[in-house]
C-alpha cells in the first residue's frame, strides 16, 4: 500500500537514507575485503552502476546481490582503468610538485596550465566511472569520452564539482555521517549529473539521425 502526504514523504526519505547507507557500507566492505588495491576500483564501479539504476527508476533491486554482480562483472577491465587513472594522476602530481617548488620564473609559468590540467584530470577521473557503467567501450575510447564530456559540457562539470564540494562540506559539519554516506552520496550526485548529460547527448544524436 502506497502512502501519500507527509507520511509518504517521510517514508520515501527514510528509504533513500537506508539505500545510500547500505551502498556506502557495501563499498567499504568490498574495498577492505579486496585489501584496498584489489577492491577499490571494482567497488567504486559497482556503486556507480547501482546509482545509475536508481536514477533510472529501478529502486527495488536487491542491493547486496546487485552490488556483488557488478563487483565481479568487468573486474579486470575496471582494474586496468583504475591503473591508467592512477598512473596519470601520479605523473601529474610529480609535475605539480616540481613546478610549485621551483624558483625558476620560466618554470613557474607552467603552474596555471598544470592547475587547469589537474582540474580536467579530476573531472575525467569522475566521468570515467560514469561512462564505464553507461557505455560499453574499450579503455582508450572510454577515457576519450570522459575527457570530451568534461570539456564539452563545462556548466554540467562545474555543477558536478560544486555539488560534490557542497556535499562534503555539509558532511564534515557532522563527521559521524561520513562512514554511512561519505562515498555513496558523492557517487550518486556524480552519476546524476553525468546521466543527465548522457541522456541529452543521446537525444541530440537521435534528433540528428531523424533529421538526416
N, C-alpha and C. Protein backbone atom coordinates (compact mmCIF):
# COMPACT_ATOMS: atom_id res chain seq x y z
N UNK A 1 0.85 -1.20 0.00
CA UNK A 1 0.00 0.00 0.00
C UNK A 1 0.89 1.25 0.00
N UNK A 2 0.65 2.11 -0.96
CA UNK A 2 1.47 3.31 -1.09
C UNK A 2 0.95 4.41 -0.19
N UNK A 3 1.83 5.02 0.57
CA UNK A 3 1.46 6.10 1.47
C UNK A 3 1.61 7.44 0.76
N UNK A 4 0.68 8.32 1.01
CA UNK A 4 0.71 9.66 0.42
C UNK A 4 0.88 10.71 1.52
N UNK A 5 1.01 11.96 1.08
CA UNK A 5 1.10 13.05 2.03
C UNK A 5 2.40 13.07 2.79
N UNK A 6 2.33 13.63 4.00
CA UNK A 6 3.54 13.81 4.81
C UNK A 6 4.18 12.48 5.18
N UNK A 7 3.37 11.50 5.59
CA UNK A 7 3.91 10.20 5.99
C UNK A 7 4.57 9.49 4.81
N UNK A 8 3.97 9.65 3.63
CA UNK A 8 4.56 9.06 2.43
C UNK A 8 5.90 9.68 2.12
N UNK A 9 6.01 11.01 2.28
CA UNK A 9 7.27 11.69 2.03
C UNK A 9 8.34 11.26 3.02
N UNK A 10 7.98 11.15 4.30
CA UNK A 10 8.92 10.71 5.33
C UNK A 10 9.40 9.29 5.04
N UNK A 11 8.47 8.43 4.63
CA UNK A 11 8.82 7.03 4.33
C UNK A 11 9.80 6.96 3.16
N UNK A 12 9.56 7.76 2.11
CA UNK A 12 10.45 7.74 0.95
C UNK A 12 11.84 8.27 1.30
N UNK A 13 11.89 9.32 2.12
CA UNK A 13 13.18 9.85 2.57
C UNK A 13 13.93 8.80 3.37
N UNK A 14 13.21 8.11 4.27
CA UNK A 14 13.83 7.06 5.08
C UNK A 14 14.36 5.93 4.20
N UNK A 15 13.61 5.60 3.15
CA UNK A 15 14.07 4.55 2.21
C UNK A 15 15.37 4.95 1.54
N UNK A 16 15.45 6.19 1.09
CA UNK A 16 16.66 6.65 0.41
C UNK A 16 17.85 6.72 1.37
N UNK A 17 17.59 7.10 2.61
CA UNK A 17 18.67 7.12 3.61
C UNK A 17 19.21 5.71 3.81
N UNK A 18 18.31 4.73 3.91
CA UNK A 18 18.73 3.34 4.10
C UNK A 18 19.48 2.82 2.89
N UNK A 19 18.99 3.14 1.69
CA UNK A 19 19.67 2.69 0.46
C UNK A 19 21.10 3.23 0.40
N UNK A 20 21.23 4.53 0.60
CA UNK A 20 22.54 5.17 0.48
C UNK A 20 23.50 4.68 1.57
N UNK A 21 22.97 4.48 2.80
CA UNK A 21 23.81 3.98 3.88
C UNK A 21 24.29 2.56 3.58
N UNK A 22 23.39 1.71 3.07
CA UNK A 22 23.78 0.34 2.74
C UNK A 22 24.79 0.32 1.61
N UNK A 23 24.59 1.16 0.61
CA UNK A 23 25.53 1.22 -0.52
C UNK A 23 26.92 1.65 -0.02
N UNK A 24 26.95 2.61 0.89
CA UNK A 24 28.23 3.07 1.43
C UNK A 24 28.93 1.95 2.21
N UNK A 25 28.17 1.22 3.02
CA UNK A 25 28.75 0.13 3.80
C UNK A 25 29.24 -1.00 2.90
N UNK A 26 28.51 -1.27 1.83
CA UNK A 26 28.95 -2.29 0.87
C UNK A 26 30.26 -1.86 0.19
N UNK A 27 30.33 -0.58 -0.18
CA UNK A 27 31.56 -0.07 -0.80
C UNK A 27 32.74 -0.24 0.15
N UNK A 28 32.54 0.13 1.41
CA UNK A 28 33.61 -0.01 2.40
C UNK A 28 34.00 -1.47 2.59
N UNK A 29 32.98 -2.33 2.74
CA UNK A 29 33.24 -3.75 2.99
C UNK A 29 33.97 -4.42 1.85
N UNK A 30 33.54 -4.18 0.61
CA UNK A 30 34.16 -4.82 -0.54
C UNK A 30 35.55 -4.24 -0.81
N UNK A 31 35.73 -2.95 -0.53
CA UNK A 31 37.05 -2.34 -0.70
C UNK A 31 38.05 -2.96 0.28
N UNK A 32 37.64 -3.09 1.53
CA UNK A 32 38.52 -3.69 2.54
C UNK A 32 38.74 -5.16 2.26
N UNK A 33 37.68 -5.86 1.86
CA UNK A 33 37.81 -7.30 1.55
C UNK A 33 38.78 -7.53 0.40
N UNK A 34 38.86 -6.57 -0.52
CA UNK A 34 39.80 -6.68 -1.64
C UNK A 34 41.17 -6.14 -1.29
N UNK A 35 41.41 -5.95 0.02
CA UNK A 35 42.69 -5.41 0.51
C UNK A 35 43.01 -4.07 -0.16
N UNK A 36 42.02 -3.22 -0.27
CA UNK A 36 42.09 -1.86 -0.82
C UNK A 36 42.44 -1.90 -2.32
N UNK A 37 43.66 -2.29 -2.65
CA UNK A 37 44.13 -2.25 -4.04
C UNK A 37 43.28 -3.13 -4.94
N UNK A 38 42.86 -4.29 -4.43
CA UNK A 38 42.07 -5.19 -5.26
C UNK A 38 40.58 -4.93 -5.24
N UNK A 39 40.13 -4.09 -4.30
CA UNK A 39 38.70 -3.87 -4.18
C UNK A 39 38.22 -2.47 -4.45
N UNK A 40 39.13 -1.49 -4.41
CA UNK A 40 38.72 -0.08 -4.52
C UNK A 40 37.99 0.23 -5.82
N UNK A 41 38.60 -0.07 -6.95
CA UNK A 41 38.00 0.32 -8.23
C UNK A 41 36.77 -0.53 -8.60
N UNK A 42 36.80 -1.86 -8.40
CA UNK A 42 35.57 -2.63 -8.66
C UNK A 42 34.41 -2.22 -7.74
N UNK A 43 34.70 -1.91 -6.48
CA UNK A 43 33.64 -1.49 -5.57
C UNK A 43 33.08 -0.12 -5.98
N UNK A 44 33.96 0.76 -6.43
CA UNK A 44 33.53 2.08 -6.90
C UNK A 44 32.66 1.95 -8.14
N UNK A 45 33.09 1.09 -9.06
CA UNK A 45 32.32 0.85 -10.28
C UNK A 45 30.94 0.29 -9.95
N UNK A 46 30.88 -0.64 -8.98
CA UNK A 46 29.60 -1.24 -8.58
C UNK A 46 28.68 -0.19 -7.97
N UNK A 47 29.24 0.71 -7.16
CA UNK A 47 28.43 1.77 -6.54
C UNK A 47 27.87 2.72 -7.60
N UNK A 48 28.68 3.06 -8.60
CA UNK A 48 28.20 3.91 -9.70
C UNK A 48 27.10 3.20 -10.49
N UNK A 49 27.27 1.90 -10.73
CA UNK A 49 26.29 1.15 -11.52
C UNK A 49 24.95 1.08 -10.81
N UNK A 50 24.97 0.85 -9.50
CA UNK A 50 23.72 0.81 -8.74
C UNK A 50 23.07 2.19 -8.70
N UNK A 51 23.87 3.23 -8.52
CA UNK A 51 23.33 4.60 -8.53
C UNK A 51 22.66 4.90 -9.87
N UNK A 52 23.27 4.44 -10.95
CA UNK A 52 22.68 4.64 -12.28
C UNK A 52 21.31 3.98 -12.37
N UNK A 53 21.19 2.77 -11.85
CA UNK A 53 19.90 2.08 -11.89
C UNK A 53 18.86 2.80 -11.06
N UNK A 54 19.27 3.31 -9.90
CA UNK A 54 18.32 4.07 -9.07
C UNK A 54 17.84 5.31 -9.81
N UNK A 55 18.76 6.01 -10.46
CA UNK A 55 18.41 7.23 -11.19
C UNK A 55 17.45 6.92 -12.33
N UNK A 56 17.58 5.74 -12.91
CA UNK A 56 16.70 5.32 -14.00
C UNK A 56 15.38 4.74 -13.50
N UNK A 57 15.16 4.82 -12.18
CA UNK A 57 13.88 4.39 -11.62
C UNK A 57 13.84 2.98 -11.09
N UNK A 58 14.95 2.25 -11.15
CA UNK A 58 14.99 0.86 -10.69
C UNK A 58 15.42 0.84 -9.23
N UNK A 59 14.51 1.22 -8.35
CA UNK A 59 14.85 1.39 -6.94
C UNK A 59 14.58 0.16 -6.08
N UNK A 60 13.93 -0.84 -6.65
CA UNK A 60 13.56 -2.01 -5.84
C UNK A 60 14.53 -3.18 -6.01
N UNK A 61 15.68 -2.95 -6.59
CA UNK A 61 16.61 -4.04 -6.83
C UNK A 61 17.25 -4.51 -5.51
N UNK A 62 17.60 -5.81 -5.42
CA UNK A 62 18.29 -6.30 -4.23
C UNK A 62 19.72 -5.76 -4.18
N UNK A 63 20.02 -4.90 -3.24
CA UNK A 63 21.26 -4.13 -3.28
C UNK A 63 22.50 -5.01 -3.15
N UNK A 64 22.51 -5.91 -2.17
CA UNK A 64 23.71 -6.73 -1.97
C UNK A 64 23.99 -7.62 -3.18
N UNK A 65 22.98 -8.31 -3.66
CA UNK A 65 23.14 -9.20 -4.81
C UNK A 65 23.58 -8.43 -6.05
N UNK A 66 22.97 -7.28 -6.28
CA UNK A 66 23.30 -6.46 -7.45
C UNK A 66 24.72 -5.91 -7.33
N UNK A 67 25.09 -5.48 -6.13
CA UNK A 67 26.45 -4.95 -5.91
C UNK A 67 27.48 -6.05 -6.19
N UNK A 68 27.24 -7.24 -5.69
CA UNK A 68 28.16 -8.35 -5.91
C UNK A 68 28.30 -8.68 -7.40
N UNK A 69 27.17 -8.64 -8.11
CA UNK A 69 27.19 -8.91 -9.55
C UNK A 69 28.05 -7.88 -10.28
N UNK A 70 27.85 -6.61 -9.98
CA UNK A 70 28.63 -5.56 -10.63
C UNK A 70 30.10 -5.60 -10.20
N UNK A 71 30.35 -5.97 -8.95
CA UNK A 71 31.73 -6.04 -8.46
C UNK A 71 32.52 -7.08 -9.27
N UNK A 72 31.89 -8.20 -9.56
CA UNK A 72 32.58 -9.28 -10.30
C UNK A 72 32.60 -9.00 -11.80
N UNK A 73 31.57 -8.29 -12.29
CA UNK A 73 31.50 -8.01 -13.72
C UNK A 73 32.59 -7.02 -14.13
N UNK A 74 33.29 -7.32 -15.20
CA UNK A 74 34.35 -6.43 -15.72
C UNK A 74 35.40 -6.10 -14.66
N UNK A 75 35.66 -7.06 -13.75
CA UNK A 75 36.61 -6.82 -12.65
C UNK A 75 37.97 -6.39 -13.17
N UNK A 76 38.50 -7.12 -14.13
CA UNK A 76 39.85 -6.80 -14.61
C UNK A 76 39.87 -5.57 -15.49
N UNK A 77 38.77 -5.34 -16.19
CA UNK A 77 38.70 -4.14 -17.04
C UNK A 77 38.72 -2.87 -16.18
N UNK A 78 37.96 -2.87 -15.09
CA UNK A 78 37.93 -1.67 -14.24
C UNK A 78 39.24 -1.53 -13.48
N UNK A 79 39.93 -2.64 -13.23
CA UNK A 79 41.26 -2.54 -12.62
C UNK A 79 42.24 -1.87 -13.58
N UNK A 80 42.14 -2.19 -14.86
CA UNK A 80 43.02 -1.55 -15.86
C UNK A 80 42.72 -0.06 -15.95
N UNK A 81 41.43 0.27 -15.92
CA UNK A 81 41.04 1.69 -15.93
C UNK A 81 41.62 2.40 -14.72
N UNK A 82 41.47 1.79 -13.54
CA UNK A 82 41.99 2.39 -12.33
C UNK A 82 43.49 2.56 -12.36
N UNK A 83 44.19 1.58 -12.94
CA UNK A 83 45.64 1.66 -13.06
C UNK A 83 46.05 2.82 -13.97
N UNK A 84 45.34 2.97 -15.09
CA UNK A 84 45.63 4.08 -16.02
C UNK A 84 45.41 5.43 -15.33
N UNK A 85 44.28 5.57 -14.63
CA UNK A 85 43.96 6.83 -13.96
C UNK A 85 44.97 7.13 -12.85
N UNK A 86 45.38 6.09 -12.11
CA UNK A 86 46.35 6.27 -11.04
C UNK A 86 47.70 6.71 -11.60
N UNK A 87 48.12 6.07 -12.69
CA UNK A 87 49.42 6.41 -13.30
C UNK A 87 49.42 7.85 -13.80
N UNK A 88 48.33 8.25 -14.46
CA UNK A 88 48.24 9.63 -14.97
C UNK A 88 48.24 10.62 -13.81
N UNK A 89 47.48 10.30 -12.76
CA UNK A 89 47.43 11.18 -11.60
C UNK A 89 48.77 11.30 -10.90
N UNK A 90 49.52 10.19 -10.83
CA UNK A 90 50.83 10.21 -10.19
C UNK A 90 51.80 11.11 -10.97
N UNK A 91 51.79 10.96 -12.30
CA UNK A 91 52.66 11.79 -13.15
C UNK A 91 52.30 13.27 -13.00
N UNK A 92 51.01 13.55 -12.97
CA UNK A 92 50.55 14.94 -12.82
C UNK A 92 50.96 15.50 -11.46
N UNK A 93 50.87 14.69 -10.43
CA UNK A 93 51.25 15.12 -9.09
C UNK A 93 52.75 15.46 -9.03
N UNK A 94 53.57 14.61 -9.64
CA UNK A 94 55.02 14.86 -9.68
C UNK A 94 55.31 16.18 -10.39
N UNK A 95 54.61 16.42 -11.52
CA UNK A 95 54.79 17.67 -12.26
C UNK A 95 54.39 18.88 -11.42
N UNK A 96 53.27 18.76 -10.71
CA UNK A 96 52.80 19.87 -9.87
C UNK A 96 53.80 20.18 -8.75
N UNK A 97 54.30 19.14 -8.10
CA UNK A 97 55.27 19.34 -7.02
C UNK A 97 56.55 19.97 -7.55
N UNK A 98 56.96 19.55 -8.74
CA UNK A 98 58.18 20.10 -9.34
C UNK A 98 58.01 21.59 -9.66
N UNK A 99 56.89 21.93 -10.29
CA UNK A 99 56.66 23.32 -10.71
C UNK A 99 56.46 24.24 -9.51
N UNK A 100 55.64 23.81 -8.55
CA UNK A 100 55.32 24.69 -7.42
C UNK A 100 56.46 24.80 -6.40
N UNK A 101 57.46 23.93 -6.51
CA UNK A 101 58.61 24.02 -5.60
C UNK A 101 59.86 24.54 -6.31
N UNK A 102 59.68 25.03 -7.54
CA UNK A 102 60.82 25.53 -8.31
C UNK A 102 60.82 27.05 -8.29
N UNK A 103 62.00 27.62 -8.19
CA UNK A 103 62.11 29.09 -8.12
C UNK A 103 62.32 29.74 -9.49
N UNK A 104 62.60 28.95 -10.50
CA UNK A 104 62.81 29.49 -11.84
C UNK A 104 61.50 30.10 -12.35
N UNK A 105 61.49 31.40 -12.71
CA UNK A 105 60.25 32.05 -13.15
C UNK A 105 59.66 31.46 -14.43
N UNK A 106 60.51 30.94 -15.31
CA UNK A 106 60.01 30.35 -16.56
C UNK A 106 59.28 29.04 -16.28
N UNK A 107 59.80 28.28 -15.34
CA UNK A 107 59.12 27.03 -14.96
C UNK A 107 57.84 27.36 -14.20
N UNK A 108 57.87 28.42 -13.38
CA UNK A 108 56.69 28.83 -12.61
C UNK A 108 55.52 29.21 -13.52
N UNK A 109 55.83 29.62 -14.76
CA UNK A 109 54.77 29.97 -15.71
C UNK A 109 53.90 28.77 -16.07
N UNK A 110 54.40 27.58 -15.79
CA UNK A 110 53.63 26.37 -16.10
C UNK A 110 52.59 26.05 -15.03
N UNK A 111 52.61 26.81 -13.93
CA UNK A 111 51.72 26.49 -12.81
C UNK A 111 50.24 26.57 -13.18
N UNK A 112 49.85 27.64 -13.90
CA UNK A 112 48.44 27.79 -14.28
C UNK A 112 47.99 26.70 -15.25
N UNK A 113 48.74 26.44 -16.35
CA UNK A 113 48.33 25.34 -17.24
C UNK A 113 48.23 24.00 -16.51
N UNK A 114 49.16 23.76 -15.59
CA UNK A 114 49.13 22.50 -14.84
C UNK A 114 47.92 22.43 -13.90
N UNK A 115 47.56 23.58 -13.32
CA UNK A 115 46.38 23.63 -12.45
C UNK A 115 45.12 23.31 -13.25
N UNK A 116 45.00 23.92 -14.44
CA UNK A 116 43.84 23.65 -15.30
C UNK A 116 43.82 22.19 -15.73
N UNK A 117 45.00 21.66 -16.03
CA UNK A 117 45.10 20.25 -16.42
C UNK A 117 44.69 19.34 -15.25
N UNK A 118 45.02 19.76 -14.04
CA UNK A 118 44.64 18.97 -12.86
C UNK A 118 43.13 18.94 -12.67
N UNK A 119 42.47 20.09 -12.91
CA UNK A 119 41.01 20.14 -12.82
C UNK A 119 40.39 19.23 -13.88
N UNK A 120 40.96 19.28 -15.09
CA UNK A 120 40.47 18.40 -16.16
C UNK A 120 40.67 16.94 -15.77
N UNK A 121 41.79 16.64 -15.14
CA UNK A 121 42.05 15.25 -14.72
C UNK A 121 41.01 14.79 -13.69
N UNK A 122 40.71 15.65 -12.72
CA UNK A 122 39.73 15.29 -11.69
C UNK A 122 38.37 15.01 -12.33
N UNK A 123 37.95 15.88 -13.24
CA UNK A 123 36.68 15.67 -13.94
C UNK A 123 36.71 14.39 -14.77
N UNK A 124 37.82 14.17 -15.46
CA UNK A 124 37.96 12.96 -16.27
C UNK A 124 37.90 11.71 -15.39
N UNK A 125 38.52 11.78 -14.22
CA UNK A 125 38.50 10.67 -13.27
C UNK A 125 37.05 10.32 -12.92
N UNK A 126 36.27 11.34 -12.58
CA UNK A 126 34.87 11.10 -12.21
C UNK A 126 34.06 10.58 -13.40
N UNK A 127 34.21 11.24 -14.54
CA UNK A 127 33.45 10.83 -15.72
C UNK A 127 33.82 9.43 -16.18
N UNK A 128 35.06 9.00 -15.93
CA UNK A 128 35.49 7.69 -16.39
C UNK A 128 34.60 6.58 -15.83
N UNK A 129 34.24 6.70 -14.56
CA UNK A 129 33.40 5.66 -13.95
C UNK A 129 31.95 5.77 -14.40
N UNK A 130 31.47 7.00 -14.59
CA UNK A 130 30.08 7.13 -15.06
C UNK A 130 29.96 6.67 -16.51
N UNK A 131 30.97 6.94 -17.32
CA UNK A 131 30.98 6.45 -18.71
C UNK A 131 31.10 4.93 -18.70
N UNK A 132 31.92 4.40 -17.81
CA UNK A 132 32.15 2.95 -17.72
C UNK A 132 30.84 2.20 -17.53
N UNK A 133 29.98 2.69 -16.63
CA UNK A 133 28.75 1.97 -16.32
C UNK A 133 27.61 2.29 -17.29
N UNK A 134 27.79 3.32 -18.13
CA UNK A 134 26.71 3.70 -19.05
C UNK A 134 26.94 3.17 -20.46
N UNK A 135 28.20 3.05 -20.87
CA UNK A 135 28.53 2.61 -22.23
C UNK A 135 29.44 1.39 -22.19
N UNK A 136 29.41 0.62 -23.27
CA UNK A 136 30.34 -0.50 -23.43
C UNK A 136 31.45 -0.03 -24.36
N UNK A 137 32.59 0.37 -23.79
CA UNK A 137 33.68 0.93 -24.58
C UNK A 137 35.01 0.33 -24.13
N UNK A 138 35.99 0.37 -25.03
CA UNK A 138 37.35 -0.01 -24.64
C UNK A 138 37.91 1.08 -23.72
N UNK A 139 38.98 0.77 -23.01
CA UNK A 139 39.57 1.73 -22.07
C UNK A 139 39.97 3.02 -22.78
N UNK A 140 40.60 2.88 -23.95
CA UNK A 140 41.03 4.08 -24.69
C UNK A 140 39.86 4.97 -25.07
N UNK A 141 38.80 4.37 -25.64
CA UNK A 141 37.62 5.15 -26.04
C UNK A 141 36.90 5.71 -24.82
N UNK A 142 36.91 4.94 -23.74
CA UNK A 142 36.26 5.38 -22.51
C UNK A 142 36.91 6.65 -21.97
N UNK A 143 38.23 6.66 -21.93
CA UNK A 143 38.95 7.84 -21.45
C UNK A 143 38.72 9.04 -22.38
N UNK A 144 38.68 8.76 -23.68
CA UNK A 144 38.42 9.83 -24.65
C UNK A 144 37.04 10.44 -24.41
N UNK A 145 36.02 9.58 -24.21
CA UNK A 145 34.67 10.07 -23.94
C UNK A 145 34.63 10.87 -22.64
N UNK A 146 35.35 10.40 -21.63
CA UNK A 146 35.36 11.10 -20.34
C UNK A 146 35.93 12.51 -20.48
N UNK A 147 37.03 12.63 -21.22
CA UNK A 147 37.64 13.95 -21.45
C UNK A 147 36.68 14.85 -22.22
N UNK A 148 36.05 14.29 -23.26
CA UNK A 148 35.12 15.07 -24.08
C UNK A 148 33.94 15.59 -23.25
N UNK A 149 33.38 14.73 -22.40
CA UNK A 149 32.26 15.16 -21.56
C UNK A 149 32.68 16.27 -20.61
N UNK A 150 33.90 16.17 -20.08
CA UNK A 150 34.39 17.20 -19.16
C UNK A 150 34.56 18.54 -19.86
N UNK A 151 34.98 18.51 -21.13
CA UNK A 151 35.27 19.74 -21.88
C UNK A 151 34.03 20.31 -22.55
N UNK A 152 33.22 19.43 -23.15
CA UNK A 152 32.08 19.89 -23.96
C UNK A 152 30.94 20.42 -23.10
N UNK A 153 30.82 19.91 -21.88
CA UNK A 153 29.73 20.35 -21.00
C UNK A 153 30.31 21.03 -19.75
N UNK A 154 30.87 22.23 -19.92
CA UNK A 154 31.53 22.89 -18.78
C UNK A 154 30.58 23.22 -17.63
N UNK A 155 29.35 23.65 -17.95
CA UNK A 155 28.42 24.02 -16.88
C UNK A 155 28.01 22.80 -16.07
N UNK A 156 27.81 21.68 -16.76
CA UNK A 156 27.48 20.44 -16.06
C UNK A 156 28.65 19.99 -15.20
N UNK A 157 29.86 20.14 -15.74
CA UNK A 157 31.06 19.75 -15.00
C UNK A 157 31.26 20.63 -13.76
N UNK A 158 31.03 21.94 -13.92
CA UNK A 158 31.14 22.85 -12.77
C UNK A 158 30.07 22.52 -11.73
N UNK A 159 28.86 22.24 -12.19
CA UNK A 159 27.79 21.85 -11.27
C UNK A 159 28.15 20.58 -10.51
N UNK A 160 28.80 19.66 -11.19
CA UNK A 160 29.23 18.42 -10.57
C UNK A 160 30.23 18.70 -9.44
N UNK A 161 31.24 19.53 -9.74
CA UNK A 161 32.25 19.84 -8.74
C UNK A 161 31.68 20.62 -7.56
N UNK A 162 30.81 21.59 -7.85
CA UNK A 162 30.21 22.41 -6.79
C UNK A 162 29.35 21.54 -5.88
N UNK A 163 28.54 20.66 -6.47
CA UNK A 163 27.68 19.79 -5.65
C UNK A 163 28.51 18.84 -4.80
N UNK A 164 29.61 18.36 -5.36
CA UNK A 164 30.49 17.46 -4.62
C UNK A 164 31.13 18.17 -3.43
N UNK A 165 31.63 19.38 -3.66
CA UNK A 165 32.24 20.17 -2.58
C UNK A 165 31.20 20.52 -1.52
N UNK A 166 29.99 20.87 -1.96
CA UNK A 166 28.93 21.22 -1.01
C UNK A 166 28.55 20.02 -0.16
N UNK A 167 28.47 18.84 -0.79
CA UNK A 167 28.11 17.62 -0.06
C UNK A 167 29.15 17.31 1.01
N UNK A 168 30.43 17.40 0.64
CA UNK A 168 31.48 17.11 1.61
C UNK A 168 31.55 18.18 2.70
N UNK A 169 31.30 19.43 2.33
CA UNK A 169 31.29 20.49 3.34
C UNK A 169 30.21 20.21 4.40
N UNK A 170 29.02 19.83 3.94
CA UNK A 170 27.93 19.55 4.87
C UNK A 170 28.23 18.32 5.72
N UNK A 171 28.80 17.29 5.08
CA UNK A 171 29.07 16.07 5.84
C UNK A 171 30.18 16.26 6.86
N UNK A 172 31.15 17.12 6.55
CA UNK A 172 32.22 17.37 7.50
C UNK A 172 31.74 18.21 8.69
N UNK A 173 30.56 18.84 8.57
CA UNK A 173 29.97 19.51 9.71
C UNK A 173 29.43 18.50 10.71
N UNK A 174 29.14 17.29 10.20
CA UNK A 174 28.64 16.19 11.04
C UNK A 174 29.45 14.94 10.71
N UNK A 175 30.68 14.86 11.20
CA UNK A 175 31.60 13.78 10.81
C UNK A 175 31.07 12.37 11.04
N UNK A 176 30.11 12.24 11.95
CA UNK A 176 29.56 10.91 12.23
C UNK A 176 28.83 10.29 11.05
N UNK A 177 28.43 11.11 10.06
CA UNK A 177 27.70 10.56 8.91
C UNK A 177 28.65 10.02 7.82
N UNK A 178 29.93 10.38 7.90
CA UNK A 178 30.87 10.01 6.83
C UNK A 178 30.97 8.50 6.61
N UNK A 179 31.01 7.65 7.67
CA UNK A 179 31.08 6.20 7.41
C UNK A 179 29.84 5.65 6.71
N UNK A 180 28.73 6.38 6.77
CA UNK A 180 27.48 5.91 6.18
C UNK A 180 27.14 6.56 4.84
N UNK A 181 27.67 7.76 4.60
CA UNK A 181 27.30 8.48 3.38
C UNK A 181 28.49 9.14 2.67
N UNK A 182 29.70 8.98 3.21
CA UNK A 182 30.86 9.69 2.67
C UNK A 182 31.22 9.34 1.25
N UNK A 183 30.79 8.17 0.78
CA UNK A 183 31.07 7.75 -0.60
C UNK A 183 29.78 7.67 -1.43
N UNK A 184 28.74 7.12 -0.84
CA UNK A 184 27.51 6.87 -1.61
C UNK A 184 26.83 8.15 -2.10
N UNK A 185 26.75 9.18 -1.25
CA UNK A 185 26.10 10.43 -1.69
C UNK A 185 26.90 11.12 -2.79
N UNK A 186 28.24 11.30 -2.65
CA UNK A 186 29.00 11.88 -3.76
C UNK A 186 28.89 11.07 -5.05
N UNK A 187 28.93 9.74 -4.96
CA UNK A 187 28.81 8.92 -6.17
C UNK A 187 27.44 9.10 -6.80
N UNK A 188 26.39 9.16 -5.98
CA UNK A 188 25.04 9.36 -6.52
C UNK A 188 24.94 10.71 -7.23
N UNK A 189 25.50 11.76 -6.62
CA UNK A 189 25.47 13.09 -7.24
C UNK A 189 26.24 13.10 -8.56
N UNK A 190 27.43 12.50 -8.57
CA UNK A 190 28.23 12.45 -9.80
C UNK A 190 27.49 11.70 -10.90
N UNK A 191 26.85 10.60 -10.52
CA UNK A 191 26.12 9.81 -11.51
C UNK A 191 24.91 10.57 -12.02
N UNK A 192 24.25 11.31 -11.15
CA UNK A 192 23.06 12.06 -11.56
C UNK A 192 23.42 13.13 -12.59
N UNK A 193 24.47 13.90 -12.31
CA UNK A 193 24.91 14.93 -13.26
C UNK A 193 25.34 14.29 -14.58
N UNK A 194 26.14 13.24 -14.50
CA UNK A 194 26.64 12.60 -15.71
C UNK A 194 25.51 12.00 -16.52
N UNK A 195 24.60 11.32 -15.85
CA UNK A 195 23.49 10.66 -16.54
C UNK A 195 22.64 11.65 -17.30
N UNK A 196 22.39 12.81 -16.69
CA UNK A 196 21.60 13.83 -17.39
C UNK A 196 22.32 14.30 -18.65
N UNK A 197 23.65 14.41 -18.59
CA UNK A 197 24.43 14.77 -19.77
C UNK A 197 24.39 13.69 -20.84
N UNK A 198 24.49 12.43 -20.42
CA UNK A 198 24.45 11.32 -21.37
C UNK A 198 23.10 11.27 -22.10
N UNK A 199 22.03 11.47 -21.33
CA UNK A 199 20.69 11.42 -21.93
C UNK A 199 20.51 12.55 -22.95
N UNK A 200 21.01 13.73 -22.63
CA UNK A 200 20.92 14.85 -23.58
C UNK A 200 21.70 14.54 -24.86
N UNK A 201 22.87 13.98 -24.71
CA UNK A 201 23.66 13.59 -25.88
C UNK A 201 22.92 12.60 -26.76
N UNK A 202 22.34 11.60 -26.12
CA UNK A 202 21.62 10.56 -26.86
C UNK A 202 20.39 11.13 -27.56
N UNK A 203 19.69 12.05 -26.89
CA UNK A 203 18.51 12.68 -27.51
C UNK A 203 18.92 13.53 -28.69
N UNK A 204 20.05 14.27 -28.55
CA UNK A 204 20.53 15.10 -29.66
C UNK A 204 20.94 14.23 -30.85
N UNK A 205 21.60 13.11 -30.57
CA UNK A 205 22.02 12.20 -31.64
C UNK A 205 20.83 11.60 -32.36
N UNK A 206 19.77 11.27 -31.58
CA UNK A 206 18.55 10.73 -32.21
C UNK A 206 17.89 11.78 -33.09
N UNK A 207 17.85 13.03 -32.59
CA UNK A 207 17.25 14.11 -33.39
C UNK A 207 18.01 14.35 -34.69
N UNK A 208 19.35 14.31 -34.59
CA UNK A 208 20.17 14.50 -35.79
C UNK A 208 19.99 13.37 -36.77
N UNK A 209 19.85 12.14 -36.25
CA UNK A 209 19.66 10.97 -37.12
C UNK A 209 18.30 11.04 -37.82
N UNK A 210 17.26 11.49 -37.08
CA UNK A 210 15.93 11.62 -37.68
C UNK A 210 15.90 12.72 -38.72
N UNK A 211 16.63 13.83 -38.44
CA UNK A 211 16.68 14.95 -39.38
C UNK A 211 17.40 14.56 -40.66
N UNK A 212 18.42 13.71 -40.54
CA UNK A 212 19.17 13.26 -41.71
C UNK A 212 18.37 12.27 -42.49
